Amino acid sequence: MGEFFAFLMQMVIYMVPFVILFFVIQAAVRNGINYSEVGKYIKEKREAEAAKEVKKKK
């Protein structure tokens, strides 16, 4: 039982940095896309389409 617990703790110790790295990279990519010119264009286009949909429903 002790070996299994040690193995489990070792796996957790090795996996936690990768999980943290995943979230850091995900946030960096999201912010990079949102603040780029293409990201701003896509966001404006989506907002314009959403405004059209709201007007159609009224």
Protein backbone atom coordinates (compact mmCIF):
# COMPACT_ATOMS: atom_id res chain seq x y z
CA MET A 1 0.00 0.00 0.00
CA GLY A 2 2.89 2.36 0.75
CA GLU A 3 4.40 1.88 -2.70
CA PHE A 4 1.08 2.64 -4.35
CA PHE A 5 0.68 5.84 -2.32
CA ALA A 6 4.25 6.89 -3.16
CA PHE A 7 3.58 6.22 -6.86
CA LEU A 8 0.34 8.18 -6.71
CA MET A 9 2.02 11.15 -5.03
CA GLN A 10 4.83 11.06 -7.57
CA MET A 11 2.31 11.15 -10.43
CA VAL A 12 0.55 14.12 -8.84
CA ILE A 13 3.86 15.93 -8.40
CA TYR A 14 4.69 15.40 -12.07
CA MET A 15 1.21 16.27 -13.39
CA VAL A 16 0.54 19.50 -11.48
CA PRO A 17 3.16 21.57 -13.34
CA PHE A 18 1.74 20.43 -16.68
CA VAL A 19 -1.78 21.40 -15.64
CA ILE A 20 -0.55 24.82 -14.52
CA LEU A 21 1.40 25.19 -17.77
CA PHE A 22 -1.71 24.29 -19.77
CA PHE A 23 -3.75 27.06 -18.13
CA VAL A 24 -0.96 29.61 -18.52
CA ILE A 25 -0.58 28.84 -22.23
CA GLN A 26 -4.36 28.83 -22.71
CA ALA A 27 -4.68 32.28 -21.12
CA ALA A 28 -1.74 33.65 -23.12
CA VAL A 29 -3.13 32.42 -26.42
CA ARG A 30 -6.62 33.70 -25.62
CA ASN A 31 -5.28 37.14 -24.70
CA GLY A 32 -3.00 37.17 -27.73
CA ILE A 33 -5.90 36.46 -30.05
CA ASN A 34 -8.27 38.90 -28.35
CA TYR A 35 -5.82 41.79 -28.50
CA SER A 36 -4.62 41.17 -32.05
CA GLU A 37 -6.07 43.05 -35.01
CA VAL A 38 -7.72 39.91 -36.35
CA GLY A 39 -9.21 39.15 -32.95
CA LYS A 40 -10.64 42.66 -32.68
CA TYR A 41 -12.13 42.35 -36.18
CA ILE A 42 -13.75 39.00 -35.38
CA LYS A 43 -15.14 40.34 -32.10
CA GLU A 44 -16.64 43.39 -33.83
CA LYS A 45 -18.14 41.19 -36.53
CA ARG A 46 -19.73 38.87 -33.95
CA GLU A 47 -21.15 41.80 -32.01
CA ALA A 48 -22.63 43.27 -35.20
CA GLU A 49 -24.24 39.93 -36.10
CA ALA A 50 -25.62 39.58 -32.58
CA ALA A 51 -27.12 43.08 -32.80
CA LYS A 52 -28.79 42.12 -36.10
CA GLU A 53 -30.27 38.99 -34.50
CA VAL A 54 -31.69 41.04 -31.63
CA LYS A 55 -33.30 43.47 -34.06
CA LYS A 56 -34.82 40.60 -36.07
CA LYS A 57 -36.42 39.12 -32.95
CA LYS A 58 -38.16 42.40 -32.06
